[in-house]
Amino acid sequence: MEFFCYHRDRVGSVPLRDELLEEHWSYMDRYAAELIARGPTFADDGSTPTGSVHIVDLPDPTAARAFAFDEPNHQAGVYRDVLLRRWRNMLGRTMWDFPGGRTAGNRYLVIGLGPDPATDLDLPSSVARDDLIAFGSLLSDDGEVWVGTAVLVRASDAEAARGVLAEGRYADVEVWAWEFGGRR
């Protein structure tokens, strides 16, 4: 089962996040074979962390909750909240299979939350498939009800990234600068 996990940083937690960086990476190393995508999000300044994305393939919701809530930054209070949802990998690949590589172009996380269960169940035609790093439906715990869409995309700017999701079909859309995660 695939899960989308987005830990959102608590304001003022950057020093603690920096202190726990190796502990976070070591924790994620334990899940290397299960990770579909990972990486931090940033504020408009491009350098202040705002959260951490992990898309992971785990056996069940219990394992996903353990993954999300046992994470060292979460345990230490770096994060203010966690968005954890079942996810359907519409591209059938990991971020490491993305043809654009780790660094070329601007990358973004785009999250669109319901209300219309028929929204964006197919890949968008507004963006080239080679610009999609990860694309999938956010689902209820049982995987039966669509609640939104999560996308990692290469785009010229935040507005172009926002355009990946159908205009007016979401109750709320977030766009964050994002980069490939992991050890450097």
C-alpha atoms as a PDB file:
ATOM      1  CA  MET A   1       0.000   0.000   0.000  1.00  0.00           C
ATOM      2  CA  GLU A   2       1.292   3.422  -0.911  1.00  0.00           C
ATOM      3  CA  PHE A   3       1.046   6.357   1.474  1.00  0.00           C
ATOM      4  CA  PHE A   4       1.641  10.107   1.150  1.00  0.00           C
ATOM      5  CA  CYS A   5       3.113  11.658   4.303  1.00  0.00           C
ATOM      6  CA  TYR A   6       3.667  15.400   4.640  1.00  0.00           C
ATOM      7  CA  HIS A   7       5.128  16.609   7.927  1.00  0.00           C
ATOM      8  CA  ARG A   8       4.602  20.384   8.236  1.00  0.00           C
ATOM      9  CA  ASP A   9       7.197  22.281  10.254  1.00  0.00           C
ATOM     10  CA  ARG A  10       6.360  24.180  13.395  1.00  0.00           C
ATOM     11  CA  VAL A  11       7.330  27.862  13.226  1.00  0.00           C
ATOM     12  CA  GLY A  12      10.788  28.397  14.713  1.00  0.00           C
ATOM     13  CA  SER A  13      11.831  24.743  14.537  1.00  0.00           C
ATOM     14  CA  VAL A  14      14.712  25.126  12.046  1.00  0.00           C
ATOM     15  CA  PRO A  15      17.505  24.905  14.691  1.00  0.00           C
ATOM     16  CA  LEU A  16      16.008  21.674  16.068  1.00  0.00           C
ATOM     17  CA  ARG A  17      15.518  20.312  12.543  1.00  0.00           C
ATOM     18  CA  ASP A  18      19.189  21.051  11.761  1.00  0.00           C
ATOM     19  CA  GLU A  19      20.298  19.363  14.989  1.00  0.00           C
ATOM     20  CA  LEU A  20      18.351  16.200  14.112  1.00  0.00           C
ATOM     21  CA  LEU A  21      19.335  15.983  10.432  1.00  0.00           C
ATOM     22  CA  GLU A  22      21.545  12.889  10.744  1.00  0.00           C
ATOM     23  CA  GLU A  23      18.989  11.168  12.969  1.00  0.00           C
ATOM     24  CA  HIS A  24      16.258  11.905  10.386  1.00  0.00           C
ATOM     25  CA  TRP A  25      18.375  10.581   7.507  1.00  0.00           C
ATOM     26  CA  SER A  26      19.309   7.450   9.482  1.00  0.00           C
ATOM     27  CA  TYR A  27      15.632   6.803  10.177  1.00  0.00           C
ATOM     28  CA  MET A  28      14.765   7.232   6.484  1.00  0.00           C
ATOM     29  CA  ASP A  29      17.659   4.955   5.478  1.00  0.00           C
ATOM     30  CA  ARG A  30      15.721   2.132   7.160  1.00  0.00           C
ATOM     31  CA  TYR A  31      12.953   2.702   4.575  1.00  0.00           C
ATOM     32  CA  ALA A  32      15.139   3.176   1.484  1.00  0.00           C
ATOM     33  CA  ALA A  33      13.586   0.224  -0.384  1.00  0.00           C
ATOM     34  CA  GLU A  34      10.038   1.430   0.368  1.00  0.00           C
ATOM     35  CA  LEU A  35      10.432   5.114  -0.550  1.00  0.00           C
ATOM     36  CA  ILE A  36       8.805   6.340  -3.753  1.00  0.00           C
ATOM     37  CA  ALA A  37       9.752   9.990  -3.178  1.00  0.00           C
ATOM     38  CA  ARG A  38      11.140  12.170  -0.421  1.00  0.00           C
ATOM     39  CA  GLY A  39      12.344  15.684   0.186  1.00  0.00           C
ATOM     40  CA  PRO A  40      11.908  18.971   2.015  1.00  0.00           C
ATOM     41  CA  THR A  41       9.594  21.839   1.131  1.00  0.00           C
ATOM     42  CA  PHE A  42      10.569  25.495   1.463  1.00  0.00           C
ATOM     43  CA  ALA A  43       9.061  28.922   2.061  1.00  0.00           C
ATOM     44  CA  ASP A  44       9.000  31.560  -0.673  1.00  0.00           C
ATOM     45  CA  ASP A  45      12.580  32.558   0.223  1.00  0.00           C
ATOM     46  CA  GLY A  46      13.702  29.165  -1.115  1.00  0.00           C
ATOM     47  CA  SER A  47      15.800  28.318   1.930  1.00  0.00           C
ATOM     48  CA  THR A  48      13.561  28.163   5.028  1.00  0.00           C
ATOM     49  CA  PRO A  49      12.221  24.613   5.456  1.00  0.00           C
ATOM     50  CA  THR A  50       8.435  24.311   5.804  1.00  0.00           C
ATOM     51  CA  GLY A  51       7.985  20.555   5.808  1.00  0.00           C
ATOM     52  CA  SER A  52       9.074  17.151   4.654  1.00  0.00           C
ATOM     53  CA  VAL A  53       7.422  14.886   2.047  1.00  0.00           C
ATOM     54  CA  HIS A  54       7.683  11.112   2.052  1.00  0.00           C
ATOM     55  CA  ILE A  55       5.781   8.843  -0.302  1.00  0.00           C
ATOM     56  CA  VAL A  56       6.259   5.301   0.866  1.00  0.00           C
ATOM     57  CA  ASP A  57       5.041   1.776   0.115  1.00  0.00           C
ATOM     58  CA  LEU A  58       4.206  -0.020   3.389  1.00  0.00           C
ATOM     59  CA  PRO A  59       2.161  -3.098   4.307  1.00  0.00           C
ATOM     60  CA  ASP A  60      -0.806  -1.346   5.939  1.00  0.00           C
ATOM     61  CA  PRO A  61      -2.124   1.832   7.635  1.00  0.00           C
ATOM     62  CA  THR A  62      -0.674   0.776  11.001  1.00  0.00           C
ATOM     63  CA  ALA A  63       2.828   0.610   9.506  1.00  0.00           C
ATOM     64  CA  ALA A  64       2.263   3.984   7.821  1.00  0.00           C
ATOM     65  CA  ARG A  65       1.232   5.617  11.092  1.00  0.00           C
ATOM     66  CA  ALA A  66       4.303   4.168  12.811  1.00  0.00           C
ATOM     67  CA  PHE A  67       6.487   5.493   9.960  1.00  0.00           C
ATOM     68  CA  ALA A  68       4.982   8.994  10.257  1.00  0.00           C
ATOM     69  CA  PHE A  69       4.784   9.340  14.021  1.00  0.00           C
ATOM     70  CA  ASP A  70       7.990   7.548  15.070  1.00  0.00           C
ATOM     71  CA  GLU A  71      10.071   9.814  12.805  1.00  0.00           C
ATOM     72  CA  PRO A  72      12.687  11.615  14.983  1.00  0.00           C
ATOM     73  CA  ASN A  73      11.706  15.162  13.968  1.00  0.00           C
ATOM     74  CA  HIS A  74       8.075  14.417  14.758  1.00  0.00           C
ATOM     75  CA  GLN A  75       9.000  12.905  18.125  1.00  0.00           C
ATOM     76  CA  ALA A  76      11.143  15.961  18.993  1.00  0.00           C
ATOM     77  CA  GLY A  77       8.459  18.522  18.049  1.00  0.00           C
ATOM     78  CA  VAL A  78       9.887  19.872  14.781  1.00  0.00           C
ATOM     79  CA  TYR A  79       6.551  19.298  13.044  1.00  0.00           C
ATOM     80  CA  ARG A  80       3.252  20.989  13.848  1.00  0.00           C
ATOM     81  CA  ASP A  81       1.106  18.407  12.047  1.00  0.00           C
ATOM     82  CA  VAL A  82       1.140  15.474   9.668  1.00  0.00           C
ATOM     83  CA  LEU A  83      -0.959  14.833   6.570  1.00  0.00           C
ATOM     84  CA  LEU A  84      -0.997  11.053   6.132  1.00  0.00           C
ATOM     85  CA  ARG A  85      -3.141   9.542   3.360  1.00  0.00           C
ATOM     86  CA  ARG A  86      -3.275   6.461   1.224  1.00  0.00           C
ATOM     87  CA  TRP A  87      -1.862   7.348  -2.178  1.00  0.00           C
ATOM     88  CA  ARG A  88      -2.159   5.849  -5.654  1.00  0.00           C
ATOM     89  CA  ASN A  89       1.005   6.122  -7.749  1.00  0.00           C
ATOM     90  CA  MET A  90      -0.396   7.134 -11.152  1.00  0.00           C
ATOM     91  CA  LEU A  91       3.084   7.191 -12.757  1.00  0.00           C
ATOM     92  CA  GLY A  92       4.190   3.772 -11.540  1.00  0.00           C
ATOM     93  CA  ARG A  93       7.717   4.982 -10.804  1.00  0.00           C
ATOM     94  CA  THR A  94       9.854   6.502  -8.076  1.00  0.00           C
ATOM     95  CA  MET A  95      11.426   9.954  -8.063  1.00  0.00           C
ATOM     96  CA  TRP A  96      14.769   8.282  -8.857  1.00  0.00           C
ATOM     97  CA  ASP A  97      13.264   7.183 -12.185  1.00  0.00           C
ATOM     98  CA  PHE A  98      12.318  10.775 -13.052  1.00  0.00           C
ATOM     99  CA  PRO A  99      14.005  11.580 -16.387  1.00  0.00           C
ATOM    100  CA  GLY A 100      14.790  15.169 -15.316  1.00  0.00           C
ATOM    101  CA  GLY A 101      17.307  14.131 -12.666  1.00  0.00           C
ATOM    102  CA  ARG A 102      17.810  15.566  -9.188  1.00  0.00           C
ATOM    103  CA  THR A 103      18.541  19.198  -9.951  1.00  0.00           C
ATOM    104  CA  ALA A 104      17.378  20.500 -13.360  1.00  0.00           C
ATOM    105  CA  GLY A 105      14.631  23.132 -13.034  1.00  0.00           C
ATOM    106  CA  ASN A 106      12.362  24.290 -10.240  1.00  0.00           C
ATOM    107  CA  ARG A 107      10.450  21.595  -8.351  1.00  0.00           C
ATOM    108  CA  TYR A 108       7.203  21.927  -6.399  1.00  0.00           C
ATOM    109  CA  LEU A 109       4.842  20.012  -4.186  1.00  0.00           C
ATOM    110  CA  VAL A 110       1.206  20.659  -5.097  1.00  0.00           C
ATOM    111  CA  ILE A 111      -1.565  19.356  -2.845  1.00  0.00           C
ATOM    112  CA  GLY A 112      -5.209  19.740  -3.845  1.00  0.00           C
ATOM    113  CA  LEU A 113      -7.928  18.682  -1.417  1.00  0.00           C
ATOM    114  CA  GLY A 114     -11.518  17.645  -2.467  1.00  0.00           C
ATOM    115  CA  PRO A 115     -14.602  18.191  -2.721  1.00  0.00           C
ATOM    116  CA  ASP A 116     -15.217  16.501  -6.074  1.00  0.00           C
ATOM    117  CA  PRO A 117     -14.375  12.760  -6.057  1.00  0.00           C
ATOM    118  CA  ALA A 118     -14.093  12.764  -9.858  1.00  0.00           C
ATOM    119  CA  THR A 119     -11.350  15.400  -9.941  1.00  0.00           C
ATOM    120  CA  ASP A 120      -8.020  14.614 -11.612  1.00  0.00           C
ATOM    121  CA  LEU A 121      -8.144  10.841 -11.498  1.00  0.00           C
ATOM    122  CA  ASP A 122      -6.226  10.856 -14.781  1.00  0.00           C
ATOM    123  CA  LEU A 123      -2.837  12.371 -15.488  1.00  0.00           C
ATOM    124  CA  PRO A 124      -3.125  16.058 -16.394  1.00  0.00           C
ATOM    125  CA  SER A 125      -2.819  17.028 -20.042  1.00  0.00           C
ATOM    126  CA  SER A 126      -1.634  20.527 -19.051  1.00  0.00           C
ATOM    127  CA  VAL A 127       1.911  19.337 -18.274  1.00  0.00           C
ATOM    128  CA  ALA A 128       4.371  17.034 -20.011  1.00  0.00           C
ATOM    129  CA  ARG A 129       4.669  13.611 -18.382  1.00  0.00           C
ATOM    130  CA  ASP A 130       8.448  14.169 -18.205  1.00  0.00           C
ATOM    131  CA  ASP A 131       7.805  17.116 -15.857  1.00  0.00           C
ATOM    132  CA  LEU A 132       5.834  14.968 -13.399  1.00  0.00           C
ATOM    133  CA  ILE A 133       8.076  13.570 -10.690  1.00  0.00           C
ATOM    134  CA  ALA A 134       5.226  11.945  -8.726  1.00  0.00           C
ATOM    135  CA  PHE A 135       1.465  12.147  -9.263  1.00  0.00           C
ATOM    136  CA  GLY A 136      -1.272  10.410  -7.342  1.00  0.00           C
ATOM    137  CA  SER A 137      -4.636  10.403  -5.694  1.00  0.00           C
ATOM    138  CA  LEU A 138      -4.965  10.964  -1.964  1.00  0.00           C
ATOM    139  CA  LEU A 139      -7.406   8.412  -0.580  1.00  0.00           C
ATOM    140  CA  SER A 140      -9.279   7.448   2.573  1.00  0.00           C
ATOM    141  CA  ASP A 141      -7.676   4.846   4.847  1.00  0.00           C
ATOM    142  CA  ASP A 142      -9.562   2.023   3.119  1.00  0.00           C
ATOM    143  CA  GLY A 143      -8.460   3.323  -0.297  1.00  0.00           C
ATOM    144  CA  GLU A 144     -12.060   3.682  -1.488  1.00  0.00           C
ATOM    145  CA  VAL A 145     -12.742   7.438  -1.264  1.00  0.00           C
ATOM    146  CA  TRP A 146     -10.784  10.078  -3.178  1.00  0.00           C
ATOM    147  CA  VAL A 147      -9.971  13.100  -0.964  1.00  0.00           C
ATOM    148  CA  GLY A 148      -7.403  14.941  -3.070  1.00  0.00           C
ATOM    149  CA  THR A 149      -4.349  14.841  -5.291  1.00  0.00           C
ATOM    150  CA  ALA A 150      -0.636  15.191  -4.486  1.00  0.00           C
ATOM    151  CA  VAL A 151       1.913  16.072  -7.162  1.00  0.00           C
ATOM    152  CA  LEU A 152       5.657  16.608  -7.298  1.00  0.00           C
ATOM    153  CA  VAL A 153       6.343  18.543 -10.480  1.00  0.00           C
ATOM    154  CA  ARG A 154       9.062  20.415 -12.334  1.00  0.00           C
ATOM    155  CA  ALA A 155       7.686  23.797 -13.396  1.00  0.00           C
ATOM    156  CA  SER A 156       8.894  27.271 -14.315  1.00  0.00           C
ATOM    157  CA  ASP A 157       7.312  28.823 -11.197  1.00  0.00           C
ATOM    158  CA  ALA A 158       4.746  28.213  -8.453  1.00  0.00           C
ATOM    159  CA  GLU A 159       1.842  29.425 -10.599  1.00  0.00           C
ATOM    160  CA  ALA A 160       2.739  26.987 -13.384  1.00  0.00           C
ATOM    161  CA  ALA A 161       2.984  24.222 -10.792  1.00  0.00           C
ATOM    162  CA  ARG A 162      -0.464  25.167  -9.459  1.00  0.00           C
ATOM    163  CA  GLY A 163      -1.794  24.818 -13.022  1.00  0.00           C
ATOM    164  CA  VAL A 164      -1.178  21.058 -12.906  1.00  0.00           C
ATOM    165  CA  LEU A 165      -4.452  20.727 -10.989  1.00  0.00           C
ATOM    166  CA  ALA A 166      -7.786  21.532 -12.642  1.00  0.00           C
ATOM    167  CA  GLU A 167      -8.871  25.118 -11.940  1.00  0.00           C
ATOM    168  CA  GLY A 168     -11.843  25.426  -9.557  1.00  0.00           C
ATOM    169  CA  ARG A 169     -12.094  21.691  -8.794  1.00  0.00           C
ATOM    170  CA  TYR A 170     -10.426  21.762  -5.383  1.00  0.00           C
ATOM    171  CA  ALA A 171     -11.535  23.254  -2.075  1.00  0.00           C
ATOM    172  CA  ASP A 172      -7.930  24.095  -1.214  1.00  0.00           C
ATOM    173  CA  VAL A 173      -4.589  23.970  -3.056  1.00  0.00           C
ATOM    174  CA  GLU A 174      -1.116  24.322  -1.532  1.00  0.00           C
ATOM    175  CA  VAL A 175       2.050  24.894  -3.543  1.00  0.00           C
ATOM    176  CA  TRP A 176       5.500  24.611  -1.965  1.00  0.00           C
ATOM    177  CA  ALA A 177       8.997  24.727  -3.398  1.00  0.00           C
ATOM    178  CA  TRP A 178      10.401  21.195  -3.062  1.00  0.00           C
ATOM    179  CA  GLU A 179      13.691  19.423  -3.692  1.00  0.00           C
ATOM    180  CA  PHE A 180      14.835  15.828  -3.953  1.00  0.00           C
ATOM    181  CA  GLY A 181      15.626  14.578  -0.469  1.00  0.00           C
ATOM    182  CA  GLY A 182      18.133  12.193   0.997  1.00  0.00           C
ATOM    183  CA  ARG A 183      21.783  12.248   1.830  1.00  0.00           C
ATOM    184  CA  ARG A 184      23.971  14.564  -0.187  1.00  0.00           C
END
